[in-house]
């Protein structure tokens, strides 16, 4: 069912697709079977929405990254997006070009996912979470509301990152010099846990099954199976292996 006010330029529509009021789908976009697209969604050329996914009102899929002459980093991307089966994309989410999202993901209201982002399967990207460029998220990981994942950040499988967490990738902000090889985001290994409001500094490695306490500032790598907390974060105890 395609509402009469929708502008659908593509010929690639699956079976039982529902397209509601004022939706725009550009030529070359691909929409799978049983997809529901709510009002005022824009889907640009080169975007593929797989079967069973639902896109809620006001979402923009296929935003062009622009530096506007203000960014030191050179912007590069491909005009393609892949969204896997049975995903739910919340209202007013913005997904830039050159993003890959696996199956059964919840991308919540107002989330922003920048170019070269990759999300695995069965993840939650919470309300107003921002994933900056070239951020990678593994399978079954959860990033809660209002958290910022910086560019060049890597998140493994079964990672939990709580609300209001900040990650950063640049230690040379005083000089304002930009050197790509020095822009390194944190790495979160499988089964790590980050408490609410923590700040994780550039290049810090959170090892497997490690835990960072709420409100901590993490300046150094965190060892596997340990808990750290404080400003700066310090070792508190070991976590028993199971």
C-alpha atoms as a PDB file:
ATOM      1  CA  UNK A   1       0.000   0.000   0.000  1.00  0.00           C
ATOM      2  CA  UNK A   2       1.475   3.323  -1.086  1.00  0.00           C
ATOM      3  CA  UNK A   3      -0.223   6.500   0.129  1.00  0.00           C
ATOM      4  CA  UNK A   4      -1.160   8.903  -2.642  1.00  0.00           C
ATOM      5  CA  UNK A   5       0.975  11.693  -1.127  1.00  0.00           C
ATOM      6  CA  UNK A   6       4.162   9.591  -1.192  1.00  0.00           C
ATOM      7  CA  UNK A   7       6.820  10.133  -3.856  1.00  0.00           C
ATOM      8  CA  UNK A   8       8.204   6.717  -4.790  1.00  0.00           C
ATOM      9  CA  UNK A   9      10.734   6.878  -7.621  1.00  0.00           C
ATOM     10  CA  UNK A  10      12.217   3.405  -7.185  1.00  0.00           C
ATOM     11  CA  UNK A  11      11.085   0.244  -8.967  1.00  0.00           C
ATOM     12  CA  UNK A  12      12.497  -2.006  -6.245  1.00  0.00           C
ATOM     13  CA  UNK A  13       9.574  -2.532  -3.883  1.00  0.00           C
ATOM     14  CA  UNK A  14       8.962  -5.875  -2.195  1.00  0.00           C
ATOM     15  CA  UNK A  15       5.668  -7.527  -1.342  1.00  0.00           C
ATOM     16  CA  UNK A  16       3.256  -6.180   1.283  1.00  0.00           C
ATOM     17  CA  UNK A  17       5.155  -2.908   1.693  1.00  0.00           C
ATOM     18  CA  UNK A  18       3.320  -0.095   3.499  1.00  0.00           C
ATOM     19  CA  UNK A  19       4.379   3.452   2.606  1.00  0.00           C
ATOM     20  CA  UNK A  20       2.541   6.209   4.459  1.00  0.00           C
ATOM     21  CA  UNK A  21       2.004   9.959   3.972  1.00  0.00           C
ATOM     22  CA  UNK A  22       4.673  12.242   2.500  1.00  0.00           C
ATOM     23  CA  UNK A  23       7.361   9.577   2.242  1.00  0.00           C
ATOM     24  CA  UNK A  24      10.105  10.151  -0.361  1.00  0.00           C
ATOM     25  CA  UNK A  25      11.962   7.150  -1.781  1.00  0.00           C
ATOM     26  CA  UNK A  26      14.505   7.973  -4.465  1.00  0.00           C
ATOM     27  CA  UNK A  27      15.304   6.056  -7.617  1.00  0.00           C
ATOM     28  CA  UNK A  28      17.514   3.026  -7.008  1.00  0.00           C
ATOM     29  CA  UNK A  29      16.585   2.507  -3.365  1.00  0.00           C
ATOM     30  CA  UNK A  30      15.565  -1.065  -2.515  1.00  0.00           C
ATOM     31  CA  UNK A  31      12.731  -1.892  -0.142  1.00  0.00           C
ATOM     32  CA  UNK A  32      12.241  -5.520   0.957  1.00  0.00           C
ATOM     33  CA  UNK A  33       9.072  -7.457   1.727  1.00  0.00           C
ATOM     34  CA  UNK A  34       6.788  -6.466   4.619  1.00  0.00           C
ATOM     35  CA  UNK A  35       8.591  -3.186   5.282  1.00  0.00           C
ATOM     36  CA  UNK A  36       6.589  -0.398   6.955  1.00  0.00           C
ATOM     37  CA  UNK A  37       7.629   3.202   6.287  1.00  0.00           C
ATOM     38  CA  UNK A  38       5.853   5.831   8.376  1.00  0.00           C
ATOM     39  CA  UNK A  39       5.117   9.460   7.378  1.00  0.00           C
ATOM     40  CA  UNK A  40       7.778  11.989   6.370  1.00  0.00           C
ATOM     41  CA  UNK A  41      10.603   9.495   5.924  1.00  0.00           C
ATOM     42  CA  UNK A  42      13.247  10.199   3.250  1.00  0.00           C
ATOM     43  CA  UNK A  43      15.217   7.309   1.729  1.00  0.00           C
ATOM     44  CA  UNK A  44      17.867   8.285  -0.792  1.00  0.00           C
ATOM     45  CA  UNK A  45      19.281   6.381  -3.782  1.00  0.00           C
ATOM     46  CA  UNK A  46      21.614   3.494  -2.981  1.00  0.00           C
ATOM     47  CA  UNK A  47      19.850   2.593   0.274  1.00  0.00           C
ATOM     48  CA  UNK A  48      18.566  -0.923   0.927  1.00  0.00           C
ATOM     49  CA  UNK A  49      15.979  -1.718   3.599  1.00  0.00           C
ATOM     50  CA  UNK A  50      15.633  -5.460   4.189  1.00  0.00           C
ATOM     51  CA  UNK A  51      12.449  -7.442   4.818  1.00  0.00           C
ATOM     52  CA  UNK A  52      10.432  -6.897   7.973  1.00  0.00           C
ATOM     53  CA  UNK A  53      12.026  -3.610   8.981  1.00  0.00           C
ATOM     54  CA  UNK A  54      10.019  -0.598  10.157  1.00  0.00           C
ATOM     55  CA  UNK A  55      11.045   3.039   9.700  1.00  0.00           C
ATOM     56  CA  UNK A  56       9.283   5.538  11.959  1.00  0.00           C
ATOM     57  CA  UNK A  57       8.293   9.146  11.130  1.00  0.00           C
ATOM     58  CA  UNK A  58      10.797  11.794  10.194  1.00  0.00           C
ATOM     59  CA  UNK A  59      13.778   9.498   9.684  1.00  0.00           C
ATOM     60  CA  UNK A  60      16.374  10.416   7.040  1.00  0.00           C
ATOM     61  CA  UNK A  61      18.296   7.534   5.460  1.00  0.00           C
ATOM     62  CA  UNK A  62      21.112   8.527   3.120  1.00  0.00           C
ATOM     63  CA  UNK A  63      22.362  11.854   4.443  1.00  0.00           C
ATOM     64  CA  UNK A  64      25.421  13.156   2.611  1.00  0.00           C
ATOM     65  CA  UNK A  65      28.357  13.867   4.961  1.00  0.00           C
ATOM     66  CA  UNK A  66      29.525  17.438   4.509  1.00  0.00           C
ATOM     67  CA  UNK A  67      32.485  19.190   6.074  1.00  0.00           C
ATOM     68  CA  UNK A  68      31.337  22.606   4.853  1.00  0.00           C
ATOM     69  CA  UNK A  69      34.991  23.676   4.787  1.00  0.00           C
ATOM     70  CA  UNK A  70      35.114  23.655   8.582  1.00  0.00           C
ATOM     71  CA  UNK A  71      36.509  20.172   9.200  1.00  0.00           C
ATOM     72  CA  UNK A  72      40.180  19.228   9.062  1.00  0.00           C
ATOM     73  CA  UNK A  73      39.363  15.609   8.258  1.00  0.00           C
ATOM     74  CA  UNK A  74      38.813  14.741   4.614  1.00  0.00           C
ATOM     75  CA  UNK A  75      35.285  13.420   4.113  1.00  0.00           C
ATOM     76  CA  UNK A  76      35.004  10.225   2.070  1.00  0.00           C
ATOM     77  CA  UNK A  77      32.095   7.830   1.637  1.00  0.00           C
ATOM     78  CA  UNK A  78      30.147   5.646  -0.763  1.00  0.00           C
ATOM     79  CA  UNK A  79      26.518   6.373  -1.570  1.00  0.00           C
ATOM     80  CA  UNK A  80      25.135   3.182  -0.109  1.00  0.00           C
ATOM     81  CA  UNK A  81      23.367   2.011   3.042  1.00  0.00           C
ATOM     82  CA  UNK A  82      22.330  -1.484   4.054  1.00  0.00           C
ATOM     83  CA  UNK A  83      19.778  -2.101   6.813  1.00  0.00           C
ATOM     84  CA  UNK A  84      19.211  -5.759   7.686  1.00  0.00           C
ATOM     85  CA  UNK A  85      16.035  -7.705   8.342  1.00  0.00           C
ATOM     86  CA  UNK A  86      13.603  -6.906  11.154  1.00  0.00           C
ATOM     87  CA  UNK A  87      15.170  -3.635  12.252  1.00  0.00           C
ATOM     88  CA  UNK A  88      13.246  -0.840  13.950  1.00  0.00           C
ATOM     89  CA  UNK A  89      14.466   2.675  13.143  1.00  0.00           C
ATOM     90  CA  UNK A  90      12.960   5.221  15.532  1.00  0.00           C
ATOM     91  CA  UNK A  91      11.497   8.653  14.758  1.00  0.00           C
ATOM     92  CA  UNK A  92      13.886  11.343  13.508  1.00  0.00           C
ATOM     93  CA  UNK A  93      16.916   9.081  13.293  1.00  0.00           C
ATOM     94  CA  UNK A  94      19.569  10.201  10.792  1.00  0.00           C
ATOM     95  CA  UNK A  95      21.651   7.589   8.994  1.00  0.00           C
ATOM     96  CA  UNK A  96      24.466   8.915   6.821  1.00  0.00           C
ATOM     97  CA  UNK A  97      25.631   7.292   3.624  1.00  0.00           C
ATOM     98  CA  UNK A  98      28.108   4.398   3.822  1.00  0.00           C
ATOM     99  CA  UNK A  99      26.572   2.692   6.859  1.00  0.00           C
ATOM    100  CA  UNK A 100      25.899  -1.012   7.357  1.00  0.00           C
ATOM    101  CA  UNK A 101      23.360  -2.159   9.946  1.00  0.00           C
ATOM    102  CA  UNK A 102      22.761  -5.856  10.589  1.00  0.00           C
ATOM    103  CA  UNK A 103      19.526  -7.642  11.437  1.00  0.00           C
ATOM    104  CA  UNK A 104      17.169  -7.281  14.407  1.00  0.00           C
ATOM    105  CA  UNK A 105      18.535  -3.952  15.592  1.00  0.00           C
ATOM    106  CA  UNK A 106      16.685  -1.250  17.495  1.00  0.00           C
ATOM    107  CA  UNK A 107      17.878   2.198  16.435  1.00  0.00           C
ATOM    108  CA  UNK A 108      15.986   4.483  18.787  1.00  0.00           C
ATOM    109  CA  UNK A 109      14.508   7.977  18.472  1.00  0.00           C
ATOM    110  CA  UNK A 110      16.854  10.684  17.211  1.00  0.00           C
ATOM    111  CA  UNK A 111      19.930   8.467  16.888  1.00  0.00           C
ATOM    112  CA  UNK A 112      22.620   9.629  14.447  1.00  0.00           C
ATOM    113  CA  UNK A 113      24.943   7.198  12.659  1.00  0.00           C
ATOM    114  CA  UNK A 114      27.751   8.687  10.597  1.00  0.00           C
ATOM    115  CA  UNK A 115      29.528   7.464   7.479  1.00  0.00           C
ATOM    116  CA  UNK A 116      31.452   4.168   7.521  1.00  0.00           C
ATOM    117  CA  UNK A 117      29.588   3.087  10.641  1.00  0.00           C
ATOM    118  CA  UNK A 118      29.005  -0.636  11.085  1.00  0.00           C
ATOM    119  CA  UNK A 119      26.533  -2.234  13.488  1.00  0.00           C
ATOM    120  CA  UNK A 120      26.204  -5.990  13.934  1.00  0.00           C
ATOM    121  CA  UNK A 121      23.055  -7.951  14.801  1.00  0.00           C
ATOM    122  CA  UNK A 122      20.632  -7.728  17.754  1.00  0.00           C
ATOM    123  CA  UNK A 123      21.940  -4.386  19.045  1.00  0.00           C
ATOM    124  CA  UNK A 124      20.272  -1.442  20.749  1.00  0.00           C
ATOM    125  CA  UNK A 125      21.362   2.081  19.833  1.00  0.00           C
ATOM    126  CA  UNK A 126      19.468   4.215  22.339  1.00  0.00           C
ATOM    127  CA  UNK A 127      17.642   7.533  22.087  1.00  0.00           C
ATOM    128  CA  UNK A 128      19.805  10.363  20.731  1.00  0.00           C
ATOM    129  CA  UNK A 129      22.947   8.258  20.692  1.00  0.00           C
ATOM    130  CA  UNK A 130      25.551   9.577  18.251  1.00  0.00           C
ATOM    131  CA  UNK A 131      27.911   7.236  16.422  1.00  0.00           C
ATOM    132  CA  UNK A 132      30.596   9.276  14.734  1.00  0.00           C
ATOM    133  CA  UNK A 133      32.445   8.278  11.548  1.00  0.00           C
ATOM    134  CA  UNK A 134      34.051   4.823  11.217  1.00  0.00           C
ATOM    135  CA  UNK A 135      32.590   3.503  14.472  1.00  0.00           C
ATOM    136  CA  UNK A 136      32.068  -0.256  14.693  1.00  0.00           C
ATOM    137  CA  UNK A 137      29.642  -2.072  16.988  1.00  0.00           C
ATOM    138  CA  UNK A 138      29.584  -5.870  17.294  1.00  0.00           C
ATOM    139  CA  UNK A 139      26.650  -8.209  17.905  1.00  0.00           C
ATOM    140  CA  UNK A 140      24.282  -8.087  20.893  1.00  0.00           C
ATOM    141  CA  UNK A 141      25.731  -4.815  22.200  1.00  0.00           C
ATOM    142  CA  UNK A 142      23.726  -2.028  23.832  1.00  0.00           C
ATOM    143  CA  UNK A 143      24.483   1.681  23.844  1.00  0.00           C
ATOM    144  CA  UNK A 144      22.067   3.604  26.016  1.00  0.00           C
ATOM    145  CA  UNK A 145      20.485   7.052  25.661  1.00  0.00           C
ATOM    146  CA  UNK A 146      22.498  10.244  25.023  1.00  0.00           C
ATOM    147  CA  UNK A 147      25.858   8.509  24.726  1.00  0.00           C
ATOM    148  CA  UNK A 148      28.483   9.676  22.209  1.00  0.00           C
ATOM    149  CA  UNK A 149      30.618   7.127  20.393  1.00  0.00           C
ATOM    150  CA  UNK A 150      33.557   8.939  18.818  1.00  0.00           C
ATOM    151  CA  UNK A 151      35.085   8.417  15.391  1.00  0.00           C
ATOM    152  CA  UNK A 152      37.396   5.404  14.919  1.00  0.00           C
ATOM    153  CA  UNK A 153      35.910   3.694  17.986  1.00  0.00           C
ATOM    154  CA  UNK A 154      35.536  -0.098  18.136  1.00  0.00           C
ATOM    155  CA  UNK A 155      32.932  -1.874  20.254  1.00  0.00           C
ATOM    156  CA  UNK A 156      32.900  -5.668  20.480  1.00  0.00           C
ATOM    157  CA  UNK A 157      30.143  -8.201  21.141  1.00  0.00           C
ATOM    158  CA  UNK A 158      27.839  -8.182  24.177  1.00  0.00           C
ATOM    159  CA  UNK A 159      29.132  -4.803  25.338  1.00  0.00           C
ATOM    160  CA  UNK A 160      26.923  -2.630  27.546  1.00  0.00           C
ATOM    161  CA  UNK A 161      27.477   1.135  27.521  1.00  0.00           C
ATOM    162  CA  UNK A 162      25.151   3.061  29.821  1.00  0.00           C
ATOM    163  CA  UNK A 163      23.610   6.532  29.453  1.00  0.00           C
ATOM    164  CA  UNK A 164      25.566   9.802  29.050  1.00  0.00           C
ATOM    165  CA  UNK A 165      28.877   8.081  28.346  1.00  0.00           C
ATOM    166  CA  UNK A 166      31.441  10.187  26.454  1.00  0.00           C
ATOM    167  CA  UNK A 167      34.217   8.780  24.287  1.00  0.00           C
ATOM    168  CA  UNK A 168      36.919  10.891  22.642  1.00  0.00           C
ATOM    169  CA  UNK A 169      39.610  10.249  20.043  1.00  0.00           C
ATOM    170  CA  UNK A 170      41.882  13.288  19.993  1.00  0.00           C
ATOM    171  CA  UNK A 171      44.595  14.244  22.503  1.00  0.00           C
ATOM    172  CA  UNK A 172      45.982  17.187  20.516  1.00  0.00           C
ATOM    173  CA  UNK A 173      43.090  19.606  20.740  1.00  0.00           C
ATOM    174  CA  UNK A 174      45.301  22.313  22.239  1.00  0.00           C
ATOM    175  CA  UNK A 175      47.436  22.660  19.090  1.00  0.00           C
ATOM    176  CA  UNK A 176      44.430  22.040  16.796  1.00  0.00           C
ATOM    177  CA  UNK A 177      46.708  20.018  14.522  1.00  0.00           C
ATOM    178  CA  UNK A 178      45.032  17.153  12.662  1.00  0.00           C
ATOM    179  CA  UNK A 179      46.944  13.952  11.992  1.00  0.00           C
ATOM    180  CA  UNK A 180      44.768  11.019  11.025  1.00  0.00           C
ATOM    181  CA  UNK A 181      47.087   8.424  12.553  1.00  0.00           C
ATOM    182  CA  UNK A 182      46.700  10.065  15.972  1.00  0.00           C
ATOM    183  CA  UNK A 183      42.900  10.137  15.944  1.00  0.00           C
ATOM    184  CA  UNK A 184      42.195   6.891  17.768  1.00  0.00           C
ATOM    185  CA  UNK A 185      38.965   6.051  19.566  1.00  0.00           C
ATOM    186  CA  UNK A 186      38.673   3.707  22.543  1.00  0.00           C
ATOM    187  CA  UNK A 187      38.353  -0.049  22.063  1.00  0.00           C
ATOM    188  CA  UNK A 188      35.742  -1.957  24.045  1.00  0.00           C
ATOM    189  CA  UNK A 189      36.316  -5.695  24.054  1.00  0.00           C
ATOM    190  CA  UNK A 190      33.593  -8.334  24.353  1.00  0.00           C
ATOM    191  CA  UNK A 191      31.409  -8.383  27.497  1.00  0.00           C
ATOM    192  CA  UNK A 192      32.785  -5.115  28.871  1.00  0.00           C
ATOM    193  CA  UNK A 193      30.471  -2.794  30.827  1.00  0.00           C
ATOM    194  CA  UNK A 194      30.607   1.004  31.094  1.00  0.00           C
ATOM    195  CA  UNK A 195      28.651   2.785  33.833  1.00  0.00           C
ATOM    196  CA  UNK A 196      26.557   5.911  33.415  1.00  0.00           C
ATOM    197  CA  UNK A 197      28.374   9.174  32.757  1.00  0.00           C
ATOM    198  CA  UNK A 198      31.833   7.682  32.314  1.00  0.00           C
ATOM    199  CA  UNK A 199      34.407   9.416  30.113  1.00  0.00           C
ATOM    200  CA  UNK A 200      36.776   7.232  28.083  1.00  0.00           C
ATOM    201  CA  UNK A 201      39.863   8.985  26.695  1.00  0.00           C
ATOM    202  CA  UNK A 202      41.514   8.423  23.286  1.00  0.00           C
ATOM    203  CA  UNK A 203      43.027   5.033  22.514  1.00  0.00           C
ATOM    204  CA  UNK A 204      42.059   3.503  25.850  1.00  0.00           C
ATOM    205  CA  UNK A 205      41.438  -0.256  25.691  1.00  0.00           C
ATOM    206  CA  UNK A 206      38.715  -1.736  27.874  1.00  0.00           C
ATOM    207  CA  UNK A 207      39.565  -5.435  28.010  1.00  0.00           C
ATOM    208  CA  UNK A 208      37.194  -8.397  27.923  1.00  0.00           C
ATOM    209  CA  UNK A 209      34.733  -8.626  30.814  1.00  0.00           C
ATOM    210  CA  UNK A 210      36.060  -5.433  32.431  1.00  0.00           C
ATOM    211  CA  UNK A 211      33.773  -2.925  34.157  1.00  0.00           C
ATOM    212  CA  UNK A 212      34.040   0.867  34.469  1.00  0.00           C
ATOM    213  CA  UNK A 213      32.122   2.491  37.313  1.00  0.00           C
ATOM    214  CA  UNK A 214      29.632   5.311  36.825  1.00  0.00           C
ATOM    215  CA  UNK A 215      31.149   8.792  36.507  1.00  0.00           C
ATOM    216  CA  UNK A 216      34.704   7.542  36.049  1.00  0.00           C
ATOM    217  CA  UNK A 217      37.342   9.202  33.857  1.00  0.00           C
ATOM    218  CA  UNK A 218      39.365   6.439  32.226  1.00  0.00           C
ATOM    219  CA  UNK A 219      42.861   7.562  31.187  1.00  0.00           C
ATOM    220  CA  UNK A 220      44.587   4.168  30.965  1.00  0.00           C
ATOM    221  CA  UNK A 221      43.818   0.692  29.637  1.00  0.00           C
ATOM    222  CA  UNK A 222      41.599  -1.481  31.815  1.00  0.00           C
ATOM    223  CA  UNK A 223      42.697  -5.084  32.389  1.00  0.00           C
ATOM    224  CA  UNK A 224      40.474  -8.084  31.667  1.00  0.00           C
ATOM    225  CA  UNK A 225      38.114  -9.176  34.465  1.00  0.00           C
ATOM    226  CA  UNK A 226      38.632  -6.082  36.618  1.00  0.00           C
ATOM    227  CA  UNK A 227      36.538  -3.209  37.964  1.00  0.00           C
ATOM    228  CA  UNK A 228      37.850   0.360  37.860  1.00  0.00           C
ATOM    229  CA  UNK A 229      36.273   3.599  39.047  1.00  0.00           C
ATOM    230  CA  UNK A 230      37.074   7.134  40.074  1.00  0.00           C
ATOM    231  CA  UNK A 231      38.726  10.263  38.645  1.00  0.00           C
ATOM    232  CA  UNK A 232      41.085   9.115  37.301  1.00  0.00           C
ATOM    233  CA  UNK A 233      39.796   5.565  37.256  1.00  0.00           C
ATOM    234  CA  UNK A 234      41.753   3.126  39.422  1.00  0.00           C
ATOM    235  CA  UNK A 235      41.635  -0.607  40.059  1.00  0.00           C
ATOM    236  CA  UNK A 236      38.989  -1.609  42.598  1.00  0.00           C
ATOM    237  CA  UNK A 237      38.700  -5.376  42.403  1.00  0.00           C
ATOM    238  CA  UNK A 238      38.864  -8.448  40.212  1.00  0.00           C
ATOM    239  CA  UNK A 239      35.785 -10.005  38.660  1.00  0.00           C
ATOM    240  CA  UNK A 240      35.443 -13.756  39.148  1.00  0.00           C
ATOM    241  CA  UNK A 241      35.617 -15.707  35.891  1.00  0.00           C
ATOM    242  CA  UNK A 242      32.540 -17.803  35.110  1.00  0.00           C
END
